[in-house]
Structures are given as C-alpha cells and as structure tokens.
Amino acid sequence: MLLLFALAAEKAPDFTLQGIDGKTYTLSDFKGKVVLLDFWAVWCPPCRASVPFFESLYEKYRDSGLVVIGVSLDRRKDILQSYVQHMGVQYIILWDRDGMVADLYNAYSLPTTLIIDPDGNVVVRRVGFTRSHAVLYERTIQRLLKERCKAQGKAC
C-alpha cells in the first residue's frame, strides 16, 4: 500500500512594524503580491552585500507585483537611516529594534531571507547570502510573478 503525505504550506506570520519612513506596515496588506522578506542589519557584512541585489530585484519586478521588505535588527535607527540613504534603498525598510518579528520568524542568523507567495505561504527560506541564493531568489520570483499574472488572466 502506497501512502502519500501532503506537507502543509508554512503560512507567513502576520506582523506590523514601523518603517524608517514613519509609516506603519502590516505584512497582510501585501497579500496578492510576491514578497521578499529579508531580516538583516547594517553591521552584518553578508547583509550589506545583499542590499544592492535586493534593490535591483525591486527595481526590475516592482511593477509586476514584487514587494521587497527589509526588516532591520539594528539597535540604532540613526545608523540604519544613514546607511539606507547612502545606499539609495527604495524598497521598504522596517525597524525591528527589539527583535520581536525576527523571533516570530525564527530569524536567529543574519541575513535570513524568505520569499512569500501571493497566498501568504513561505516558499523559500535561506540563511546567508551567496550567488546561488541570488539565483534561487530571482528564479523563484520570476516563477511566482508569472503564476500571479496568469491567475489574474493577463498575458505575461
């Protein structure tokens, strides 16, 4: 007898944090979009290496339905704001000063990056940042955006 087990998709826990732009953001506000959620800090070298890549993904795919959210675990907001301004980051940067959202996501090593599909399911979770991570992220985003486009009945 053959038994098949379906694994339940991991739902991304909802949260609300303030952005360094002063606005309040809630993850569930982005349902229906593809979300790249990155837990990072300015003091983390691999995190700093990933920022330009995530900015390029944001610029390339934002009009197709990609949202990039950086959740900073930095202690000092002034250093975070200065770094983001210096780097010209246009995607959403949230400040998780007390690490409560990072704890919710078990993001104990930085960077921890997740890709969340339009239904709110975590489809990729990786720690660190390497060239192979970058390739995986972009391919996954392309696939999810194409599926999203088809689900909306649009030509992709």
Protein backbone atom coordinates (compact mmCIF):
# COMPACT_ATOMS: atom_id res chain seq x y z
CA MET A 1 0.00 0.00 0.00
CA LEU A 2 1.36 3.39 -1.02
CA LEU A 3 0.82 6.27 1.39
CA LEU A 4 1.19 9.84 0.26
CA PHE A 5 1.52 12.70 2.69
CA ALA A 6 1.00 16.32 1.69
CA LEU A 7 3.06 18.82 3.60
CA ALA A 8 1.13 21.86 4.72
CA ALA A 9 2.49 25.12 3.40
CA GLU A 10 4.05 27.32 6.05
CA LYS A 11 1.94 30.46 6.37
CA ALA A 12 3.93 33.62 6.90
CA PRO A 13 3.00 35.02 10.33
CA ASP A 14 1.42 38.45 10.10
CA PHE A 15 3.08 41.38 11.83
CA THR A 16 3.03 45.16 11.98
CA LEU A 17 6.13 47.34 12.23
CA GLN A 18 7.03 50.94 11.65
CA GLY A 19 9.13 51.79 8.64
CA ILE A 20 12.03 54.18 8.80
CA ASP A 21 9.86 56.42 6.59
CA GLY A 22 7.49 56.84 9.58
CA LYS A 23 4.68 54.76 8.06
CA THR A 24 3.24 51.63 9.66
CA TYR A 25 3.28 48.45 7.58
CA THR A 26 1.42 45.18 8.07
CA LEU A 27 2.53 42.11 6.11
CA SER A 28 -1.04 41.05 5.29
CA ASP A 29 -1.50 44.35 3.43
CA PHE A 30 0.64 42.79 0.69
CA LYS A 31 -1.48 39.67 0.19
CA GLY A 32 -1.80 39.03 -3.54
CA LYS A 33 1.77 40.14 -4.17
CA VAL A 34 5.08 38.28 -4.10
CA VAL A 35 7.07 39.39 -1.05
CA LEU A 36 10.80 39.09 -0.47
CA LEU A 37 11.22 39.47 3.30
CA ASP A 38 14.80 39.97 4.47
CA PHE A 39 15.96 40.09 8.09
CA TRP A 40 19.24 41.99 8.19
CA ALA A 41 21.41 44.57 9.96
CA VAL A 42 23.91 47.22 8.88
CA TRP A 43 26.67 45.60 10.99
CA CYS A 44 26.32 42.28 9.08
CA PRO A 45 28.70 42.03 6.05
CA PRO A 46 26.63 39.46 4.08
CA CYS A 47 23.55 41.59 4.72
CA ARG A 48 25.24 44.65 3.29
CA ALA A 49 26.30 42.58 0.27
CA SER A 50 22.68 41.58 -0.39
CA VAL A 51 21.20 45.10 -0.29
CA PRO A 52 22.24 46.15 -3.83
CA PHE A 53 20.94 42.83 -5.21
CA PHE A 54 17.57 43.23 -3.47
CA GLU A 55 17.38 46.82 -4.71
CA SER A 56 17.95 45.59 -8.28
CA LEU A 57 15.22 42.94 -7.89
CA TYR A 58 12.86 45.58 -6.55
CA GLU A 59 13.54 47.95 -9.44
CA LYS A 60 13.19 45.15 -12.00
CA TYR A 61 9.99 43.49 -10.71
CA ARG A 62 8.07 46.01 -8.59
CA ASP A 63 5.69 46.88 -11.42
CA SER A 64 4.94 43.16 -11.85
CA GLY A 65 3.88 42.67 -8.22
CA LEU A 66 7.07 42.22 -6.18
CA VAL A 67 7.36 43.84 -2.77
CA VAL A 68 10.75 43.85 -1.04
CA ILE A 69 10.78 44.39 2.71
CA GLY A 70 13.97 44.67 4.73
CA VAL A 71 13.46 44.11 8.45
CA SER A 72 16.40 45.66 10.25
CA LEU A 73 17.57 44.40 13.62
CA ASP A 74 19.90 47.34 14.15
CA ARG A 75 19.81 48.94 17.60
CA ARG A 76 20.38 52.49 16.38
CA LYS A 77 17.83 53.91 13.98
CA ASP A 78 20.09 56.84 13.02
CA ILE A 79 22.81 54.49 11.72
CA LEU A 80 20.19 52.45 9.84
CA GLN A 81 18.65 55.54 8.25
CA SER A 82 22.06 56.89 7.26
CA TYR A 83 23.06 53.60 5.62
CA VAL A 84 19.77 53.27 3.72
CA GLN A 85 20.04 56.83 2.46
CA HIS A 86 23.70 56.37 1.47
CA MET A 87 22.85 53.18 -0.47
CA GLY A 88 19.80 54.73 -2.13
CA VAL A 89 17.49 51.93 -0.99
CA GLN A 90 13.97 52.42 -2.38
CA TYR A 91 12.30 49.29 -1.00
CA ILE A 92 10.53 49.19 2.37
CA ILE A 93 12.81 49.17 5.41
CA LEU A 94 11.21 48.29 8.74
CA TRP A 95 12.86 48.62 12.14
CA ASP A 96 12.54 45.58 14.45
CA ARG A 97 14.58 47.11 17.27
CA ASP A 98 13.52 44.57 19.88
CA GLY A 99 13.69 41.59 17.50
CA MET A 100 10.11 40.51 18.13
CA VAL A 101 9.30 39.91 14.46
CA ALA A 102 12.64 38.17 13.91
CA ASP A 103 11.73 35.85 16.80
CA LEU A 104 8.32 35.21 15.21
CA TYR A 105 10.16 34.04 12.06
CA ASN A 106 12.98 32.22 13.89
CA ALA A 107 15.44 34.54 12.14
CA TYR A 108 18.32 33.98 14.54
CA SER A 109 21.10 34.25 11.96
CA LEU A 110 21.51 37.13 9.56
CA PRO A 111 20.65 37.56 6.86
CA THR A 112 17.57 35.36 6.84
CA THR A 113 15.56 35.80 3.65
CA LEU A 114 12.12 34.46 2.80
CA ILE A 115 10.01 34.59 -0.32
CA ILE A 116 6.29 34.62 0.30
CA ASP A 117 3.80 33.76 -2.45
CA PRO A 118 0.64 35.78 -3.18
CA ASP A 119 -1.37 33.47 -0.88
CA GLY A 120 0.90 34.22 2.09
CA ASN A 121 2.86 30.93 2.02
CA VAL A 122 6.61 30.84 2.66
CA VAL A 123 8.09 29.15 -0.42
CA VAL A 124 11.79 29.91 0.15
CA ARG A 125 13.76 30.39 3.37
CA ARG A 126 17.54 30.81 3.32
CA VAL A 127 20.19 31.98 5.76
CA GLY A 128 23.22 33.85 4.44
CA PHE A 129 23.76 35.37 1.05
CA THR A 130 25.65 33.74 -1.81
CA ARG A 131 25.50 33.79 -5.58
CA SER A 132 23.42 30.60 -5.51
CA HIS A 133 20.94 32.29 -3.14
CA ALA A 134 20.66 35.21 -5.56
CA VAL A 135 19.92 32.88 -8.48
CA LEU A 136 17.31 30.97 -6.44
CA TYR A 137 15.61 34.18 -5.33
CA GLU A 138 15.32 35.62 -8.82
CA ARG A 139 14.12 32.38 -10.42
CA THR A 140 11.52 31.89 -7.69
CA ILE A 141 10.30 35.47 -8.00
CA GLN A 142 10.04 35.14 -11.79
CA ARG A 143 8.02 31.92 -11.46
CA LEU A 144 5.68 33.32 -8.81
CA LEU A 145 5.11 36.54 -10.73
CA LYS A 146 4.31 34.57 -13.88
CA GLU A 147 1.83 32.39 -11.94
CA ARG A 148 0.29 35.52 -10.39
CA CYS A 149 -0.07 37.11 -13.83
CA LYS A 150 -1.78 34.01 -15.27
CA ALA A 151 -4.10 33.75 -12.24
CA GLN A 152 -5.20 37.31 -12.94
CA GLY A 153 -5.95 36.33 -16.54
CA LYS A 154 -3.31 38.58 -18.00
CA ALA A 155 -0.87 37.89 -20.81
CA CYS A 156 2.53 37.51 -19.23
